[in-house]
Amino acid sequence: AVADFYEQNRFAPAWTRPGDLDQLLAALRDVAGDGLDPEDYGLSELQR
């Protein structure tokens, strides 16, 4: 799905706006409330 996503958008980077990243990181933290582990999605590495 990641490969398809970039191919369909001429490989343009998707996460260039700070607000989008802030929302993504908040959403990844929030999946703990679903019983999922945010580290499955590399939350610490993305925050770093």
PDB file of all heavy atoms in Angstrom:
ATOM      1  N   ALA A   1       0.829  -1.204   0.000  1.00  0.00           N
ATOM      2  CA  ALA A   1       0.000   0.000   0.000  1.00  0.00           C
ATOM      3  C   ALA A   1       0.864   1.255   0.000  1.00  0.00           C
ATOM      4  O   ALA A   1       0.529   2.257  -0.651  1.00  0.00           O
ATOM      5  CB  ALA A   1      -0.938  -0.004   1.201  1.00  0.00           C
ATOM      6  N   VAL A   2       1.994   1.222   0.725  1.00  0.00           N
ATOM      7  CA  VAL A   2       2.889   2.382   0.754  1.00  0.00           C
ATOM      8  C   VAL A   2       3.473   2.631  -0.634  1.00  0.00           C
ATOM      9  O   VAL A   2       3.518   3.773  -1.110  1.00  0.00           O
ATOM     10  CB  VAL A   2       4.001   2.160   1.795  1.00  0.00           C
ATOM     11  CG1 VAL A   2       5.046   3.276   1.711  1.00  0.00           C
ATOM     12  CG2 VAL A   2       3.416   2.084   3.197  1.00  0.00           C
ATOM     13  N   ALA A   3       3.908   1.566  -1.301  1.00  0.00           N
ATOM     14  CA  ALA A   3       4.450   1.717  -2.652  1.00  0.00           C
ATOM     15  C   ALA A   3       3.397   2.308  -3.590  1.00  0.00           C
ATOM     16  O   ALA A   3       3.683   3.233  -4.364  1.00  0.00           O
ATOM     17  CB  ALA A   3       4.947   0.373  -3.165  1.00  0.00           C
ATOM     18  N   ASP A   4       2.185   1.788  -3.521  1.00  0.00           N
ATOM     19  CA  ASP A   4       1.113   2.309  -4.383  1.00  0.00           C
ATOM     20  C   ASP A   4       0.823   3.772  -4.069  1.00  0.00           C
ATOM     21  O   ASP A   4       0.586   4.581  -4.976  1.00  0.00           O
ATOM     22  CB  ASP A   4      -0.161   1.478  -4.190  1.00  0.00           C
ATOM     23  CG  ASP A   4      -0.045   0.077  -4.760  1.00  0.00           C
ATOM     24  OD1 ASP A   4       0.917  -0.191  -5.519  1.00  0.00           O
ATOM     25  OD2 ASP A   4      -0.913  -0.761  -4.432  1.00  0.00           O
ATOM     26  N   PHE A   5       0.817   4.103  -2.789  1.00  0.00           N
ATOM     27  CA  PHE A   5       0.514   5.475  -2.378  1.00  0.00           C
ATOM     28  C   PHE A   5       1.467   6.465  -3.047  1.00  0.00           C
ATOM     29  O   PHE A   5       1.041   7.502  -3.596  1.00  0.00           O
ATOM     30  CB  PHE A   5       0.614   5.576  -0.853  1.00  0.00           C
ATOM     31  CG  PHE A   5       0.398   6.947  -0.298  1.00  0.00           C
ATOM     32  CD1 PHE A   5      -0.874   7.424  -0.053  1.00  0.00           C
ATOM     33  CD2 PHE A   5       1.479   7.774  -0.006  1.00  0.00           C
ATOM     34  CE1 PHE A   5      -1.084   8.697   0.465  1.00  0.00           C
ATOM     35  CE2 PHE A   5       1.279   9.049   0.510  1.00  0.00           C
ATOM     36  CZ  PHE A   5      -0.001   9.510   0.748  1.00  0.00           C
ATOM     37  N   TYR A   6       2.755   6.168  -3.016  1.00  0.00           N
ATOM     38  CA  TYR A   6       3.726   7.107  -3.583  1.00  0.00           C
ATOM     39  C   TYR A   6       3.717   7.083  -5.111  1.00  0.00           C
ATOM     40  O   TYR A   6       3.859   8.127  -5.759  1.00  0.00           O
ATOM     41  CB  TYR A   6       5.120   6.809  -3.042  1.00  0.00           C
ATOM     42  CG  TYR A   6       5.299   7.306  -1.630  1.00  0.00           C
ATOM     43  CD1 TYR A   6       5.310   6.426  -0.558  1.00  0.00           C
ATOM     44  CD2 TYR A   6       5.436   8.667  -1.355  1.00  0.00           C
ATOM     45  CE1 TYR A   6       5.460   6.883   0.742  1.00  0.00           C
ATOM     46  CE2 TYR A   6       5.589   9.127  -0.053  1.00  0.00           C
ATOM     47  CZ  TYR A   6       5.597   8.235   0.986  1.00  0.00           C
ATOM     48  OH  TYR A   6       5.738   8.692   2.267  1.00  0.00           O
ATOM     49  N   GLU A   7       3.530   5.912  -5.690  1.00  0.00           N
ATOM     50  CA  GLU A   7       3.493   5.845  -7.153  1.00  0.00           C
ATOM     51  C   GLU A   7       2.332   6.656  -7.717  1.00  0.00           C
ATOM     52  O   GLU A   7       2.453   7.261  -8.787  1.00  0.00           O
ATOM     53  CB  GLU A   7       3.398   4.390  -7.600  1.00  0.00           C
ATOM     54  CG  GLU A   7       4.692   3.628  -7.429  1.00  0.00           C
ATOM     55  CD  GLU A   7       4.568   2.162  -7.762  1.00  0.00           C
ATOM     56  OE1 GLU A   7       3.434   1.638  -7.760  1.00  0.00           O
ATOM     57  OE2 GLU A   7       5.607   1.525  -8.023  1.00  0.00           O
ATOM     58  N   GLN A   8       1.216   6.658  -7.000  1.00  0.00           N
ATOM     59  CA  GLN A   8       0.048   7.394  -7.478  1.00  0.00           C
ATOM     60  C   GLN A   8       0.203   8.903  -7.320  1.00  0.00           C
ATOM     61  O   GLN A   8      -0.606   9.668  -7.851  1.00  0.00           O
ATOM     62  CB  GLN A   8      -1.205   6.914  -6.719  1.00  0.00           C
ATOM     63  CG  GLN A   8      -1.601   5.488  -7.030  1.00  0.00           C
ATOM     64  CD  GLN A   8      -2.642   4.946  -6.073  1.00  0.00           C
ATOM     65  OE1 GLN A   8      -3.232   5.699  -5.296  1.00  0.00           O
ATOM     66  NE2 GLN A   8      -2.867   3.636  -6.118  1.00  0.00           N
ATOM     67  N   ASN A   9       1.230   9.349  -6.597  1.00  0.00           N
ATOM     68  CA  ASN A   9       1.418  10.783  -6.361  1.00  0.00           C
ATOM     69  C   ASN A   9       2.807  11.238  -6.805  1.00  0.00           C
ATOM     70  O   ASN A   9       3.343  12.183  -6.239  1.00  0.00           O
ATOM     71  CB  ASN A   9       1.204  11.089  -4.875  1.00  0.00           C
ATOM     72  CG  ASN A   9       0.792  12.523  -4.628  1.00  0.00           C
ATOM     73  OD1 ASN A   9       0.104  13.134  -5.446  1.00  0.00           O
ATOM     74  ND2 ASN A   9       1.238  13.085  -3.505  1.00  0.00           N
ATOM     75  N   ARG A  10       3.370  10.531  -7.803  1.00  0.00           N
ATOM     76  CA  ARG A  10       4.684  10.868  -8.365  1.00  0.00           C
ATOM     77  C   ARG A  10       5.751  10.991  -7.275  1.00  0.00           C
ATOM     78  O   ARG A  10       6.661  11.805  -7.352  1.00  0.00           O
ATOM     79  CB  ARG A  10       4.636  12.158  -9.181  1.00  0.00           C
ATOM     80  CG  ARG A  10       3.848  12.082 -10.470  1.00  0.00           C
ATOM     81  CD  ARG A  10       4.167  13.239 -11.411  1.00  0.00           C
ATOM     82  NE  ARG A  10       5.503  13.108 -11.976  1.00  0.00           N
ATOM     83  CZ  ARG A  10       6.450  14.031 -11.867  1.00  0.00           C
ATOM     84  NH1 ARG A  10       6.237  15.163 -11.183  1.00  0.00           N
ATOM     85  NH2 ARG A  10       7.642  13.847 -12.424  1.00  0.00           N
ATOM     86  N   PHE A  11       5.660  10.123  -6.258  1.00  0.00           N
ATOM     87  CA  PHE A  11       6.680   9.976  -5.227  1.00  0.00           C
ATOM     88  C   PHE A  11       6.883  11.234  -4.386  1.00  0.00           C
ATOM     89  O   PHE A  11       7.886  11.375  -3.690  1.00  0.00           O
ATOM     90  CB  PHE A  11       8.016   9.542  -5.852  1.00  0.00           C
ATOM     91  CG  PHE A  11       7.881   8.319  -6.714  1.00  0.00           C
ATOM     92  CD1 PHE A  11       7.856   8.436  -8.098  1.00  0.00           C
ATOM     93  CD2 PHE A  11       7.734   7.064  -6.154  1.00  0.00           C
ATOM     94  CE1 PHE A  11       7.712   7.315  -8.901  1.00  0.00           C
ATOM     95  CE2 PHE A  11       7.582   5.943  -6.950  1.00  0.00           C
ATOM     96  CZ  PHE A  11       7.565   6.074  -8.331  1.00  0.00           C
ATOM     97  N   ALA A  12       5.902  12.137  -4.430  1.00  0.00           N
ATOM     98  CA  ALA A  12       6.022  13.368  -3.649  1.00  0.00           C
ATOM     99  C   ALA A  12       5.969  13.046  -2.161  1.00  0.00           C
ATOM    100  O   ALA A  12       5.174  12.209  -1.728  1.00  0.00           O
ATOM    101  CB  ALA A  12       4.899  14.333  -4.012  1.00  0.00           C
ATOM    102  N   PRO A  13       6.785  13.680  -1.342  1.00  0.00           N
ATOM    103  CA  PRO A  13       6.688  13.451   0.112  1.00  0.00           C
ATOM    104  C   PRO A  13       5.334  13.919   0.627  1.00  0.00           C
ATOM    105  O   PRO A  13       4.777  14.909   0.156  1.00  0.00           O
ATOM    106  CB  PRO A  13       7.838  14.296   0.677  1.00  0.00           C
ATOM    107  CG  PRO A  13       8.147  15.298  -0.384  1.00  0.00           C
ATOM    108  CD  PRO A  13       7.835  14.644  -1.698  1.00  0.00           C
ATOM    109  N   ALA A  14       4.798  13.194   1.594  1.00  0.00           N
ATOM    110  CA  ALA A  14       3.436  13.453   2.071  1.00  0.00           C
ATOM    111  C   ALA A  14       3.405  14.253   3.361  1.00  0.00           C
ATOM    112  O   ALA A  14       2.398  14.910   3.652  1.00  0.00           O
ATOM    113  CB  ALA A  14       2.705  12.125   2.272  1.00  0.00           C
ATOM    114  N   TRP A  15       4.490  14.200   4.163  1.00  0.00           N
ATOM    115  CA  TRP A  15       4.440  14.738   5.520  1.00  0.00           C
ATOM    116  C   TRP A  15       5.353  15.953   5.632  1.00  0.00           C
ATOM    117  O   TRP A  15       6.345  15.958   6.353  1.00  0.00           O
ATOM    118  CB  TRP A  15       4.825  13.655   6.525  1.00  0.00           C
ATOM    119  CG  TRP A  15       3.947  12.455   6.389  1.00  0.00           C
ATOM    120  CD1 TRP A  15       4.170  11.343   5.638  1.00  0.00           C
ATOM    121  CD2 TRP A  15       2.656  12.295   6.963  1.00  0.00           C
ATOM    122  NE1 TRP A  15       3.112  10.483   5.715  1.00  0.00           N
ATOM    123  CE2 TRP A  15       2.153  11.035   6.531  1.00  0.00           C
ATOM    124  CE3 TRP A  15       1.873  13.077   7.821  1.00  0.00           C
ATOM    125  CZ2 TRP A  15       0.909  10.549   6.913  1.00  0.00           C
ATOM    126  CZ3 TRP A  15       0.630  12.588   8.204  1.00  0.00           C
ATOM    127  CH2 TRP A  15       0.165  11.349   7.757  1.00  0.00           C
ATOM    128  N   THR A  16       4.985  16.996   4.922  1.00  0.00           N
ATOM    129  CA  THR A  16       5.809  18.204   4.885  1.00  0.00           C
ATOM    130  C   THR A  16       5.260  19.314   5.762  1.00  0.00           C
ATOM    131  O   THR A  16       5.951  20.297   6.012  1.00  0.00           O
ATOM    132  CB  THR A  16       5.909  18.703   3.432  1.00  0.00           C
ATOM    133  OG1 THR A  16       4.592  18.936   2.925  1.00  0.00           O
ATOM    134  CG2 THR A  16       6.613  17.667   2.554  1.00  0.00           C
ATOM    135  N   ARG A  17       4.008  19.185   6.226  1.00  0.00           N
ATOM    136  CA  ARG A  17       3.410  20.241   7.048  1.00  0.00           C
ATOM    137  C   ARG A  17       3.411  19.815   8.507  1.00  0.00           C
ATOM    138  O   ARG A  17       2.967  18.701   8.840  1.00  0.00           O
ATOM    139  CB  ARG A  17       1.987  20.529   6.587  1.00  0.00           C
ATOM    140  CG  ARG A  17       1.926  21.043   5.149  1.00  0.00           C
ATOM    141  CD  ARG A  17       0.538  21.529   4.791  1.00  0.00           C
ATOM    142  NE  ARG A  17      -0.500  20.522   4.999  1.00  0.00           N
ATOM    143  CZ  ARG A  17      -1.755  20.669   4.579  1.00  0.00           C
ATOM    144  NH1 ARG A  17      -2.111  21.765   3.937  1.00  0.00           N
ATOM    145  NH2 ARG A  17      -2.641  19.708   4.797  1.00  0.00           N
ATOM    146  N   PRO A  18       3.892  20.669   9.398  1.00  0.00           N
ATOM    147  CA  PRO A  18       3.961  20.302  10.828  1.00  0.00           C
ATOM    148  C   PRO A  18       2.609  19.884  11.403  1.00  0.00           C
ATOM    149  O   PRO A  18       2.544  18.965  12.223  1.00  0.00           O
ATOM    150  CB  PRO A  18       4.480  21.582  11.488  1.00  0.00           C
ATOM    151  CG  PRO A  18       5.219  22.299  10.407  1.00  0.00           C
ATOM    152  CD  PRO A  18       4.481  22.011   9.141  1.00  0.00           C
ATOM    153  N   GLY A  19       1.532  20.534  10.978  1.00  0.00           N
ATOM    154  CA  GLY A  19       0.223  20.193  11.535  1.00  0.00           C
ATOM    155  C   GLY A  19      -0.188  18.773  11.218  1.00  0.00           C
ATOM    156  O   GLY A  19      -0.796  18.083  12.065  1.00  0.00           O
ATOM    157  N   ASP A  20       0.100  18.310  10.005  1.00  0.00           N
ATOM    158  CA  ASP A  20      -0.237  16.935   9.639  1.00  0.00           C
ATOM    159  C   ASP A  20       0.532  15.947  10.497  1.00  0.00           C
ATOM    160  O   ASP A  20      -0.016  14.932  10.969  1.00  0.00           O
ATOM    161  CB  ASP A  20       0.062  16.689   8.164  1.00  0.00           C
ATOM    162  CG  ASP A  20      -0.832  17.496   7.242  1.00  0.00           C
ATOM    163  OD1 ASP A  20      -1.933  17.864   7.669  1.00  0.00           O
ATOM    164  OD2 ASP A  20      -0.413  17.757   6.098  1.00  0.00           O
ATOM    165  N   LEU A  21       1.819  16.233  10.721  1.00  0.00           N
ATOM    166  CA  LEU A  21       2.630  15.336  11.549  1.00  0.00           C
ATOM    167  C   LEU A  21       2.140  15.320  12.992  1.00  0.00           C
ATOM    168  O   LEU A  21       2.091  14.268  13.628  1.00  0.00           O
ATOM    169  CB  LEU A  21       4.088  15.779  11.503  1.00  0.00           C
ATOM    170  CG  LEU A  21       4.935  15.195  10.375  1.00  0.00           C
ATOM    171  CD1 LEU A  21       6.311  15.829  10.380  1.00  0.00           C
ATOM    172  CD2 LEU A  21       5.040  13.681  10.520  1.00  0.00           C
ATOM    173  N   ASP A  22       1.784  16.492  13.503  1.00  0.00           N
ATOM    174  CA  ASP A  22       1.276  16.539  14.878  1.00  0.00           C
ATOM    175  C   ASP A  22       0.023  15.681  15.018  1.00  0.00           C
ATOM    176  O   ASP A  22      -0.143  14.946  16.001  1.00  0.00           O
ATOM    177  CB  ASP A  22       0.961  17.981  15.267  1.00  0.00           C
ATOM    178  CG  ASP A  22       2.223  18.828  15.436  1.00  0.00           C
ATOM    179  OD1 ASP A  22       3.306  18.240  15.593  1.00  0.00           O
ATOM    180  OD2 ASP A  22       2.113  20.071  15.387  1.00  0.00           O
ATOM    181  N   GLN A  23      -0.874  15.763  14.039  1.00  0.00           N
ATOM    182  CA  GLN A  23      -2.095  14.956  14.086  1.00  0.00           C
ATOM    183  C   GLN A  23      -1.771  13.469  13.993  1.00  0.00           C
ATOM    184  O   GLN A  23      -2.398  12.642  14.672  1.00  0.00           O
ATOM    185  CB  GLN A  23      -3.036  15.348  12.949  1.00  0.00           C
ATOM    186  CG  GLN A  23      -3.707  16.693  13.125  1.00  0.00           C
ATOM    187  CD  GLN A  23      -4.750  16.946  12.063  1.00  0.00           C
ATOM    188  OE1 GLN A  23      -5.713  16.189  11.920  1.00  0.00           O
ATOM    189  NE2 GLN A  23      -4.557  18.009  11.294  1.00  0.00           N
ATOM    190  N   LEU A  24      -0.818  13.118  13.132  1.00  0.00           N
ATOM    191  CA  LEU A  24      -0.450  11.703  12.997  1.00  0.00           C
ATOM    192  C   LEU A  24       0.114  11.162  14.302  1.00  0.00           C
ATOM    193  O   LEU A  24      -0.293  10.085  14.771  1.00  0.00           O
ATOM    194  CB  LEU A  24       0.571  11.524  11.869  1.00  0.00           C
ATOM    195  CG  LEU A  24       1.131  10.110  11.720  1.00  0.00           C
ATOM    196  CD1 LEU A  24       0.031   9.122  11.353  1.00  0.00           C
ATOM    197  CD2 LEU A  24       2.266  10.069  10.701  1.00  0.00           C
ATOM    198  N   LEU A  25       1.043  11.893  14.907  1.00  0.00           N
ATOM    199  CA  LEU A  25       1.656  11.409  16.144  1.00  0.00           C
ATOM    200  C   LEU A  25       0.625  11.296  17.261  1.00  0.00           C
ATOM    201  O   LEU A  25       0.643  10.341  18.044  1.00  0.00           O
ATOM    202  CB  LEU A  25       2.798  12.341  16.552  1.00  0.00           C
ATOM    203  CG  LEU A  25       3.992  12.364  15.581  1.00  0.00           C
ATOM    204  CD1 LEU A  25       5.010  13.399  16.013  1.00  0.00           C
ATOM    205  CD2 LEU A  25       4.641  10.994  15.475  1.00  0.00           C
ATOM    206  N   ALA A  26      -0.303  12.260  17.327  1.00  0.00           N
ATOM    207  CA  ALA A  26      -1.358  12.185  18.335  1.00  0.00           C
ATOM    208  C   ALA A  26      -2.258  10.983  18.090  1.00  0.00           C
ATOM    209  O   ALA A  26      -2.661  10.277  19.025  1.00  0.00           O
ATOM    210  CB  ALA A  26      -2.174  13.478  18.327  1.00  0.00           C
ATOM    211  N   ALA A  27      -2.576  10.722  16.825  1.00  0.00           N
ATOM    212  CA  ALA A  27      -3.437   9.577  16.497  1.00  0.00           C
ATOM    213  C   ALA A  27      -2.739   8.263  16.817  1.00  0.00           C
ATOM    214  O   ALA A  27      -3.389   7.313  17.297  1.00  0.00           O
ATOM    215  CB  ALA A  27      -3.823   9.623  15.018  1.00  0.00           C
ATOM    216  N   LEU A  28      -1.425   8.196  16.581  1.00  0.00           N
ATOM    217  CA  LEU A  28      -0.699   6.970  16.901  1.00  0.00           C
ATOM    218  C   LEU A  28      -0.625   6.749  18.404  1.00  0.00           C
ATOM    219  O   LEU A  28      -0.724   5.614  18.885  1.00  0.00           O
ATOM    220  CB  LEU A  28       0.713   7.028  16.300  1.00  0.00           C
ATOM    221  CG  LEU A  28       0.796   7.026  14.774  1.00  0.00           C
ATOM    222  CD1 LEU A  28       2.250   7.111  14.323  1.00  0.00           C
ATOM    223  CD2 LEU A  28       0.137   5.784  14.178  1.00  0.00           C
ATOM    224  N   ARG A  29      -0.462   7.830  19.165  1.00  0.00           N
ATOM    225  CA  ARG A  29      -0.495   7.669  20.633  1.00  0.00           C
ATOM    226  C   ARG A  29      -1.870   7.169  21.077  1.00  0.00           C
ATOM    227  O   ARG A  29      -1.986   6.361  21.997  1.00  0.00           O
ATOM    228  CB  ARG A  29      -0.169   9.005  21.311  1.00  0.00           C
ATOM    229  CG  ARG A  29       1.294   9.372  21.290  1.00  0.00           C
ATOM    230  CD  ARG A  29       1.584  10.566  22.202  1.00  0.00           C
ATOM    231  NE  ARG A  29       1.014  11.803  21.656  1.00  0.00           N
ATOM    232  CZ  ARG A  29       1.644  12.629  20.825  1.00  0.00           C
ATOM    233  NH1 ARG A  29       2.891  12.347  20.430  1.00  0.00           N
ATOM    234  NH2 ARG A  29       1.067  13.728  20.399  1.00  0.00           N
ATOM    235  N   ASP A  30      -2.907   7.643  20.416  1.00  0.00           N
ATOM    236  CA  ASP A  30      -4.278   7.340  20.825  1.00  0.00           C
ATOM    237  C   ASP A  30      -4.686   5.896  20.546  1.00  0.00           C
ATOM    238  O   ASP A  30      -5.652   5.412  21.135  1.00  0.00           O
ATOM    239  CB  ASP A  30      -5.246   8.288  20.122  1.00  0.00           C
ATOM    240  CG  ASP A  30      -6.627   8.284  20.755  1.00  0.00           C
ATOM    241  OD1 ASP A  30      -6.715   8.197  21.989  1.00  0.00           O
ATOM    242  OD2 ASP A  30      -7.628   8.345  20.015  1.00  0.00           O
ATOM    243  N   VAL A  31      -3.980   5.181  19.662  1.00  0.00           N
ATOM    244  CA  VAL A  31      -4.379   3.790  19.408  1.00  0.00           C
ATOM    245  C   VAL A  31      -4.152   2.915  20.632  1.00  0.00           C
ATOM    246  O   VAL A  31      -4.682   1.799  20.703  1.00  0.00           O
ATOM    247  CB  VAL A  31      -3.659   3.185  18.174  1.00  0.00           C
ATOM    248  CG1 VAL A  31      -3.937   3.993  16.918  1.00  0.00           C
ATOM    249  CG2 VAL A  31      -2.169   3.027  18.414  1.00  0.00           C
ATOM    250  N   ALA A  32      -3.387   3.405  21.605  1.00  0.00           N
ATOM    251  CA  ALA A  32      -3.287   2.661  22.866  1.00  0.00           C
ATOM    252  C   ALA A  32      -4.660   2.505  23.500  1.00  0.00           C
ATOM    253  O   ALA A  32      -4.932   1.503  24.170  1.00  0.00           O
ATOM    254  CB  ALA A  32      -2.332   3.376  23.824  1.00  0.00           C
ATOM    255  N   GLY A  33      -5.539   3.481  23.270  1.00  0.00           N
ATOM    256  CA  GLY A  33      -6.895   3.393  23.781  1.00  0.00           C
ATOM    257  C   GLY A  33      -7.736   2.350  23.088  1.00  0.00           C
ATOM    258  O   GLY A  33      -8.834   2.023  23.540  1.00  0.00           O
ATOM    259  N   ASP A  34      -7.242   1.803  21.979  1.00  0.00           N
ATOM    260  CA  ASP A  34      -7.901   0.710  21.269  1.00  0.00           C
ATOM    261  C   ASP A  34      -7.297  -0.643  21.631  1.00  0.00           C
ATOM    262  O   ASP A  34      -7.647  -1.662  21.031  1.00  0.00           O
ATOM    263  CB  ASP A  34      -7.773   0.919  19.756  1.00  0.00           C
ATOM    264  CG  ASP A  34      -8.438   2.198  19.303  1.00  0.00           C
ATOM    265  OD1 ASP A  34      -7.776   3.248  19.285  1.00  0.00           O
ATOM    266  OD2 ASP A  34      -9.630   2.145  18.959  1.00  0.00           O
ATOM    267  N   GLY A  35      -6.376  -0.636  22.596  1.00  0.00           N
ATOM    268  CA  GLY A  35      -5.704  -1.880  22.968  1.00  0.00           C
ATOM    269  C   GLY A  35      -4.565  -2.245  22.049  1.00  0.00           C
ATOM    270  O   GLY A  35      -4.015  -3.355  22.143  1.00  0.00           O
ATOM    271  N   LEU A  36      -4.191  -1.353  21.146  1.00  0.00           N
ATOM    272  CA  LEU A  36      -3.056  -1.578  20.250  1.00  0.00           C
ATOM    273  C   LEU A  36      -1.804  -0.935  20.830  1.00  0.00           C
ATOM    274  O   LEU A  36      -1.876  -0.091  21.731  1.00  0.00           O
ATOM    275  CB  LEU A  36      -3.361  -1.001  18.867  1.00  0.00           C
ATOM    276  CG  LEU A  36      -4.539  -1.633  18.126  1.00  0.00           C
ATOM    277  CD1 LEU A  36      -4.902  -0.822  16.887  1.00  0.00           C
ATOM    278  CD2 LEU A  36      -4.231  -3.080  17.735  1.00  0.00           C
ATOM    279  N   ASP A  37      -0.644  -1.312  20.297  1.00  0.00           N
ATOM    280  CA  ASP A  37       0.627  -0.798  20.796  1.00  0.00           C
ATOM    281  C   ASP A  37       1.157   0.261  19.825  1.00  0.00           C
ATOM    282  O   ASP A  37       1.478  -0.060  18.678  1.00  0.00           O
ATOM    283  CB  ASP A  37       1.635  -1.940  20.920  1.00  0.00           C
ATOM    284  CG  ASP A  37       2.965  -1.483  21.504  1.00  0.00           C
ATOM    285  OD1 ASP A  37       3.125  -0.269  21.768  1.00  0.00           O
ATOM    286  OD2 ASP A  37       3.853  -2.334  21.679  1.00  0.00           O
ATOM    287  N   PRO A  38       1.258   1.530  20.243  1.00  0.00           N
ATOM    288  CA  PRO A  38       1.772   2.561  19.335  1.00  0.00           C
ATOM    289  C   PRO A  38       3.150   2.251  18.770  1.00  0.00           C
ATOM    290  O   PRO A  38       3.498   2.724  17.683  1.00  0.00           O
ATOM    291  CB  PRO A  38       1.804   3.818  20.217  1.00  0.00           C
ATOM    292  CG  PRO A  38       0.747   3.579  21.251  1.00  0.00           C
ATOM    293  CD  PRO A  38       0.815   2.104  21.533  1.00  0.00           C
ATOM    294  N   GLU A  39       3.922   1.439  19.478  1.00  0.00           N
ATOM    295  CA  GLU A  39       5.260   1.117  18.969  1.00  0.00           C
ATOM    296  C   GLU A  39       5.216   0.185  17.758  1.00  0.00           C
ATOM    297  O   GLU A  39       6.211   0.038  17.059  1.00  0.00           O
ATOM    298  CB  GLU A  39       6.116   0.518  20.078  1.00  0.00           C
ATOM    299  CG  GLU A  39       6.516   1.529  21.140  1.00  0.00           C
ATOM    300  CD  GLU A  39       7.153   2.788  20.554  1.00  0.00           C
ATOM    301  OE1 GLU A  39       8.049   2.666  19.684  1.00  0.00           O
ATOM    302  OE2 GLU A  39       6.734   3.895  20.946  1.00  0.00           O
ATOM    303  N   ASP A  40       4.075  -0.472  17.531  1.00  0.00           N
ATOM    304  CA  ASP A  40       3.936  -1.243  16.294  1.00  0.00           C
ATOM    305  C   ASP A  40       4.021  -0.345  15.067  1.00  0.00           C
ATOM    306  O   ASP A  40       4.252  -0.822  13.960  1.00  0.00           O
ATOM    307  CB  ASP A  40       2.591  -1.987  16.273  1.00  0.00           C
ATOM    308  CG  ASP A  40       2.650  -3.303  17.026  1.00  0.00           C
ATOM    309  OD1 ASP A  40       3.758  -3.835  17.212  1.00  0.00           O
ATOM    310  OD2 ASP A  40       1.583  -3.803  17.429  1.00  0.00           O
ATOM    311  N   TYR A  41       3.821   0.952  15.281  1.00  0.00           N
ATOM    312  CA  TYR A  41       3.819   1.908  14.177  1.00  0.00           C
ATOM    313  C   TYR A  41       5.000   2.874  14.299  1.00  0.00           C
ATOM    314  O   TYR A  41       5.006   3.943  13.684  1.00  0.00           O
ATOM    315  CB  TYR A  41       2.474   2.656  14.155  1.00  0.00           C
ATOM    316  CG  TYR A  41       1.338   1.691  14.390  1.00  0.00           C
ATOM    317  CD1 TYR A  41       0.666   1.649  15.622  1.00  0.00           C
ATOM    318  CD2 TYR A  41       1.002   0.740  13.428  1.00  0.00           C
ATOM    319  CE1 TYR A  41      -0.321   0.705  15.864  1.00  0.00           C
ATOM    320  CE2 TYR A  41       0.010  -0.206  13.677  1.00  0.00           C
ATOM    321  CZ  TYR A  41      -0.637  -0.217  14.884  1.00  0.00           C
ATOM    322  OH  TYR A  41      -1.607  -1.155  15.123  1.00  0.00           O
ATOM    323  N   GLY A  42       5.996   2.475  15.085  1.00  0.00           N
ATOM    324  CA  GLY A  42       7.227   3.244  15.185  1.00  0.00           C
ATOM    325  C   GLY A  42       7.055   4.607  15.813  1.00  0.00           C
ATOM    326  O   GLY A  42       7.763   5.560  15.431  1.00  0.00           O
ATOM    327  N   LEU A  43       6.159   4.748  16.792  1.00  0.00           N
ATOM    328  CA  LEU A  43       5.887   6.060  17.355  1.00  0.00           C
ATOM    329  C   LEU A  43       7.154   6.707  17.923  1.00  0.00           C
ATOM    330  O   LEU A  43       7.437   7.882  17.652  1.00  0.00           O
ATOM    331  CB  LEU A  43       4.816   5.962  18.445  1.00  0.00           C
ATOM    332  CG  LEU A  43       4.509   7.264  19.184  1.00  0.00           C
ATOM    333  CD1 LEU A  43       3.977   8.324  18.234  1.00  0.00           C
ATOM    334  CD2 LEU A  43       3.519   7.024  20.320  1.00  0.00           C
ATOM    335  N   SER A  44       7.933   5.971  18.698  1.00  0.00           N
ATOM    336  CA  SER A  44       9.130   6.557  19.316  1.00  0.00           C
ATOM    337  C   SER A  44      10.111   7.033  18.259  1.00  0.00           C
ATOM    338  O   SER A  44      10.699   8.122  18.377  1.00  0.00           O
ATOM    339  CB  SER A  44       9.797   5.544  20.244  1.00  0.00           C
ATOM    340  OG  SER A  44       8.959   5.224  21.328  1.00  0.00           O
ATOM    341  N   GLU A  45      10.296   6.234  17.213  1.00  0.00           N
ATOM    342  CA  GLU A  45      11.232   6.618  16.155  1.00  0.00           C
ATOM    343  C   GLU A  45      10.734   7.851  15.404  1.00  0.00           C
ATOM    344  O   GLU A  45      11.513   8.758  15.078  1.00  0.00           O
ATOM    345  CB  GLU A  45      11.429   5.452  15.191  1.00  0.00           C
ATOM    346  CG  GLU A  45      12.436   5.709  14.080  1.00  0.00           C
ATOM    347  CD  GLU A  45      13.856   5.904  14.588  1.00  0.00           C
ATOM    348  OE1 GLU A  45      14.130   5.573  15.759  1.00  0.00           O
ATOM    349  OE2 GLU A  45      14.691   6.391  13.802  1.00  0.00           O
ATOM    350  N   LEU A  46       9.446   7.913  15.139  1.00  0.00           N
ATOM    351  CA  LEU A  46       8.893   9.084  14.458  1.00  0.00           C
ATOM    352  C   LEU A  46       9.024  10.334  15.327  1.00  0.00           C
ATOM    353  O   LEU A  46       9.334  11.429  14.825  1.00  0.00           O
ATOM    354  CB  LEU A  46       7.435   8.846  14.090  1.00  0.00           C
ATOM    355  CG  LEU A  46       7.180   7.839  12.964  1.00  0.00           C
ATOM    356  CD1 LEU A  46       5.692   7.550  12.839  1.00  0.00           C
ATOM    357  CD2 LEU A  46       7.730   8.351  11.631  1.00  0.00           C
ATOM    358  N   GLN A  47       8.804  10.182  16.629  1.00  0.00           N
ATOM    359  CA  GLN A  47       8.964  11.332  17.517  1.00  0.00           C
ATOM    360  C   GLN A  47      10.425  11.777  17.575  1.00  0.00           C
ATOM    361  O   GLN A  47      10.717  12.975  17.614  1.00  0.00           O
ATOM    362  CB  GLN A  47       8.456  10.982  18.916  1.00  0.00           C
ATOM    363  CG  GLN A  47       6.936  10.867  18.995  1.00  0.00           C
ATOM    364  CD  GLN A  47       6.440  10.425  20.359  1.00  0.00           C
ATOM    365  OE1 GLN A  47       7.100   9.634  21.033  1.00  0.00           O
ATOM    366  NE2 GLN A  47       5.289  10.913  20.763  1.00  0.00           N
ATOM    367  N   ARG A  48      11.328  10.802  17.555  1.00  0.00           N
ATOM    368  CA  ARG A  48      12.759  11.145  17.602  1.00  0.00           C
ATOM    369  C   ARG A  48      13.182  11.904  16.349  1.00  0.00           C
ATOM    370  O   ARG A  48      14.010  12.826  16.405  1.00  0.00           O
ATOM    371  CB  ARG A  48      13.587   9.864  17.752  1.00  0.00           C
ATOM    372  CG  ARG A  48      15.075  10.098  17.987  1.00  0.00           C
ATOM    373  CD  ARG A  48      15.823   8.791  18.111  1.00  0.00           C
ATOM    374  NE  ARG A  48      15.882   8.090  16.848  1.00  0.00           N
ATOM    375  CZ  ARG A  48      16.756   8.372  15.863  1.00  0.00           C
ATOM    376  NH1 ARG A  48      17.622   9.353  16.026  1.00  0.00           N
ATOM    377  NH2 ARG A  48      16.760   7.676  14.755  1.00  0.00           N
TER     378      ARG A  48
END
